[in-house]
Protein backbone atom coordinates (compact mmCIF):
# COMPACT_ATOMS: atom_id res chain seq x y z
CA UNK A 1 -6.95 33.63 56.21
CA UNK A 2 -6.82 29.96 57.15
CA UNK A 3 -4.83 27.21 55.46
CA UNK A 4 -7.85 25.74 53.61
CA UNK A 5 -8.65 29.01 51.86
CA UNK A 6 -5.01 29.52 50.92
CA UNK A 7 -4.80 25.93 49.61
CA UNK A 8 -7.97 26.34 47.55
CA UNK A 9 -6.76 29.57 45.95
CA UNK A 10 -3.31 28.21 45.15
CA UNK A 11 -4.86 24.94 43.83
CA UNK A 12 -7.18 26.82 41.46
CA UNK A 13 -4.28 28.95 40.20
CA UNK A 14 -2.10 25.87 39.71
CA UNK A 15 -4.84 24.03 37.77
CA UNK A 16 -5.42 27.11 35.59
CA UNK A 17 -1.72 27.41 34.77
CA UNK A 18 -1.41 23.69 33.99
CA UNK A 19 -4.47 23.68 31.71
CA UNK A 20 -3.24 26.72 29.79
CA UNK A 21 0.11 24.99 29.21
CA UNK A 22 -1.51 21.77 28.01
CA UNK A 23 -3.33 23.49 25.15
CA UNK A 24 -6.42 22.32 23.32
CA UNK A 25 -8.09 18.97 23.81
CA UNK A 26 -8.48 18.48 20.06
CA UNK A 27 -6.18 15.81 18.63
CA UNK A 28 -5.08 16.66 15.10
CA UNK A 29 -3.37 14.63 12.42
CA UNK A 30 -1.72 15.87 9.21
CA UNK A 31 -2.63 14.00 6.03
CA UNK A 32 -1.52 14.55 2.46
CA UNK A 33 -4.20 14.92 -0.21
CA UNK A 34 -4.03 15.02 -3.94
CA UNK A 35 -6.72 17.20 -5.40
CA UNK A 36 -7.83 18.02 -8.93
CA UNK A 37 -10.72 19.81 -10.59
CA UNK A 38 -12.54 19.48 -13.85
CA UNK A 39 -14.93 21.94 -15.44
CA UNK A 40 -17.91 20.87 -17.53
CA UNK A 41 -19.29 23.65 -19.75
CA UNK A 42 -22.54 23.82 -21.68
CA UNK A 43 -23.32 26.52 -24.26
CA UNK A 44 -26.71 27.32 -25.74
CA UNK A 45 -28.10 29.81 -28.26
CA UNK A 46 -31.22 30.46 -26.21
CA UNK A 47 -31.56 31.60 -22.60
CA UNK A 48 -31.67 28.91 -19.97
CA UNK A 49 -34.87 28.45 -17.96
CA UNK A 50 -35.03 29.92 -14.47
CA UNK A 51 -35.11 26.51 -12.74
CA UNK A 52 -32.08 25.07 -14.58
CA UNK A 53 -29.68 25.58 -11.64
CA UNK A 54 -32.07 23.79 -9.28
CA UNK A 55 -32.52 20.91 -11.73
CA UNK A 56 -28.75 20.56 -12.14
CA UNK A 57 -28.16 20.62 -8.36
CA UNK A 58 -30.82 17.93 -7.77
CA UNK A 59 -29.37 15.74 -10.54
CA UNK A 60 -25.82 16.14 -9.19
CA UNK A 61 -26.98 15.24 -5.68
CA UNK A 62 -28.54 12.02 -7.03
CA UNK A 63 -25.46 11.15 -9.07
CA UNK A 64 -22.88 11.81 -6.32
CA UNK A 65 -24.73 10.20 -3.42
CA UNK A 66 -22.27 7.27 -3.12
CA UNK A 67 -19.11 9.12 -4.18
CA UNK A 68 -17.65 10.85 -1.08
CA UNK A 69 -14.38 11.84 -2.79
CA UNK A 70 -16.17 13.70 -5.58
CA UNK A 71 -17.95 17.02 -5.06
CA UNK A 72 -19.80 19.09 -7.67
CA UNK A 73 -20.79 22.77 -7.78
CA UNK A 74 -22.46 25.04 -10.26
CA UNK A 75 -19.40 27.18 -10.78
CA UNK A 76 -20.78 30.05 -12.82
CA UNK A 77 -23.36 31.15 -15.33
CA UNK A 78 -22.79 33.91 -17.83
CA UNK A 79 -23.93 35.34 -21.12
CA UNK A 80 -21.37 36.51 -23.67
CA UNK A 81 -23.93 37.92 -26.11
CA UNK A 82 -27.60 37.53 -27.04
CA UNK A 83 -27.06 34.11 -28.63
CA UNK A 84 -24.40 32.70 -26.29
CA UNK A 85 -25.56 31.50 -22.87
CA UNK A 86 -23.23 29.33 -20.80
CA UNK A 87 -23.20 27.38 -17.57
CA UNK A 88 -20.19 25.69 -15.97
CA UNK A 89 -20.10 22.89 -13.39
CA UNK A 90 -16.96 22.29 -11.29
CA UNK A 91 -16.10 18.77 -10.10
CA UNK A 92 -13.54 18.39 -7.32
CA UNK A 93 -11.85 15.07 -6.65
CA UNK A 94 -9.85 14.46 -3.47
CA UNK A 95 -7.62 11.37 -3.18
CA UNK A 96 -6.52 10.46 0.36
CA UNK A 97 -4.73 7.26 -0.65
CA UNK A 98 -1.05 7.93 -1.41
CA UNK A 99 -0.64 4.54 -3.11
CA UNK A 100 -2.90 5.56 -6.03
CA UNK A 101 -0.86 6.70 -9.03
CA UNK A 102 -1.48 9.99 -10.81
CA UNK A 103 -2.35 8.06 -13.95
CA UNK A 104 -5.16 6.27 -12.08
CA UNK A 105 -6.41 9.60 -10.71
CA UNK A 106 -6.49 11.11 -14.21
CA UNK A 107 -8.34 8.08 -15.59
CA UNK A 108 -10.93 8.22 -12.80
CA UNK A 109 -11.43 11.99 -13.06
CA UNK A 110 -11.75 11.88 -16.84
CA UNK A 111 -14.25 8.99 -16.71
CA UNK A 112 -16.33 10.59 -13.95
CA UNK A 113 -16.33 14.00 -15.66
CA UNK A 114 -17.71 12.55 -18.88
CA UNK A 115 -20.21 10.41 -16.94
CA UNK A 116 -21.49 13.54 -15.15
CA UNK A 117 -21.58 15.35 -18.51
CA UNK A 118 -23.68 12.58 -20.10
CA UNK A 119 -25.86 12.23 -16.99
CA UNK A 120 -26.72 15.96 -17.07
CA UNK A 121 -27.49 15.77 -20.79
CA UNK A 122 -29.87 12.83 -20.26
CA UNK A 123 -31.52 13.88 -16.99
CA UNK A 124 -31.58 17.69 -17.20
CA UNK A 125 -31.04 19.20 -20.64
CA UNK A 126 -33.02 16.66 -22.73
CA UNK A 127 -36.17 16.67 -20.55
CA UNK A 128 -36.19 20.49 -20.57
CA UNK A 129 -35.76 20.53 -24.38
CA UNK A 130 -32.65 22.69 -24.24
CA UNK A 131 -30.66 22.66 -27.46
CA UNK A 132 -26.91 22.90 -26.78
CA UNK A 133 -24.59 24.28 -29.42
CA UNK A 134 -21.52 23.00 -27.56
CA UNK A 135 -20.31 21.25 -24.43
CA UNK A 136 -16.84 20.34 -23.24
CA UNK A 137 -14.75 19.19 -20.28
CA UNK A 138 -11.50 20.80 -19.10
CA UNK A 139 -9.10 19.62 -16.39
CA UNK A 140 -6.74 21.23 -13.89
CA UNK A 141 -3.42 19.67 -12.87
CA UNK A 142 -3.24 17.52 -9.74
CA UNK A 143 -2.09 19.41 -6.63
CA UNK A 144 -0.82 17.99 -3.38
CA UNK A 145 -1.76 19.67 -0.13
CA UNK A 146 -1.55 18.98 3.58
CA UNK A 147 -4.80 18.91 5.50
CA UNK A 148 -5.31 18.82 9.28
CA UNK A 149 -7.82 16.22 10.47
CA UNK A 150 -9.52 15.84 13.83
CA UNK A 151 -8.44 12.36 14.95
CA UNK A 152 -11.59 11.77 16.98
CA UNK A 153 -14.16 12.63 14.30
CA UNK A 154 -12.19 12.02 11.08
CA UNK A 155 -13.39 15.38 9.70
CA UNK A 156 -11.08 18.05 8.29
CA UNK A 157 -10.21 20.54 11.02
CA UNK A 158 -11.34 24.13 10.65
CA UNK A 159 -9.92 26.65 13.08
CA UNK A 160 -12.52 28.66 14.97
CA UNK A 161 -13.19 32.13 13.62
CA UNK A 162 -11.38 34.88 15.46
CA UNK A 163 -13.45 37.73 16.78
CA UNK A 164 -12.54 41.14 15.41
CA UNK A 165 -13.18 42.79 18.74
CA UNK A 166 -10.49 43.99 21.10
CA UNK A 167 -10.67 42.15 24.40
CA UNK A 168 -9.16 44.95 26.49
CA UNK A 169 -11.24 47.90 27.50
CA UNK A 170 -10.01 51.36 26.67
CA UNK A 171 -10.25 53.98 29.38
């Protein structure tokens, strides 16, 4: 074995050891979030039409297009008895700014929840001629949580999924 081959092998091993010690190339940053949820419920005596979920999703997409801190989901649909059909929409609000007071968060969430409620009544339920026997809005308390962010992209970091396979072969 000549000195060039020995140098190449030891250089590759040294680079491999150094790279494994350096870790990942992803730069992460820890940020504190305050998060809250509200639930908007609608109750009807008659069954909802089949396309109601699609109509609600399209209306929510239009309403929330310029509101990146607010996300909406059709949380659940259920029927308690023959004359009690319900649908519930969940709004999630995430506040990244630590200077905003909890009182301001509550005011914003309450206002937006009722605006979404009224928007759905005007744009979805009224055009489909759905008579509602009740509707209401409920709120969850504000929680604080730490979230890892990728510094380069600004997106929340999600760890890669681990494979459930064993990497060593059995003999």
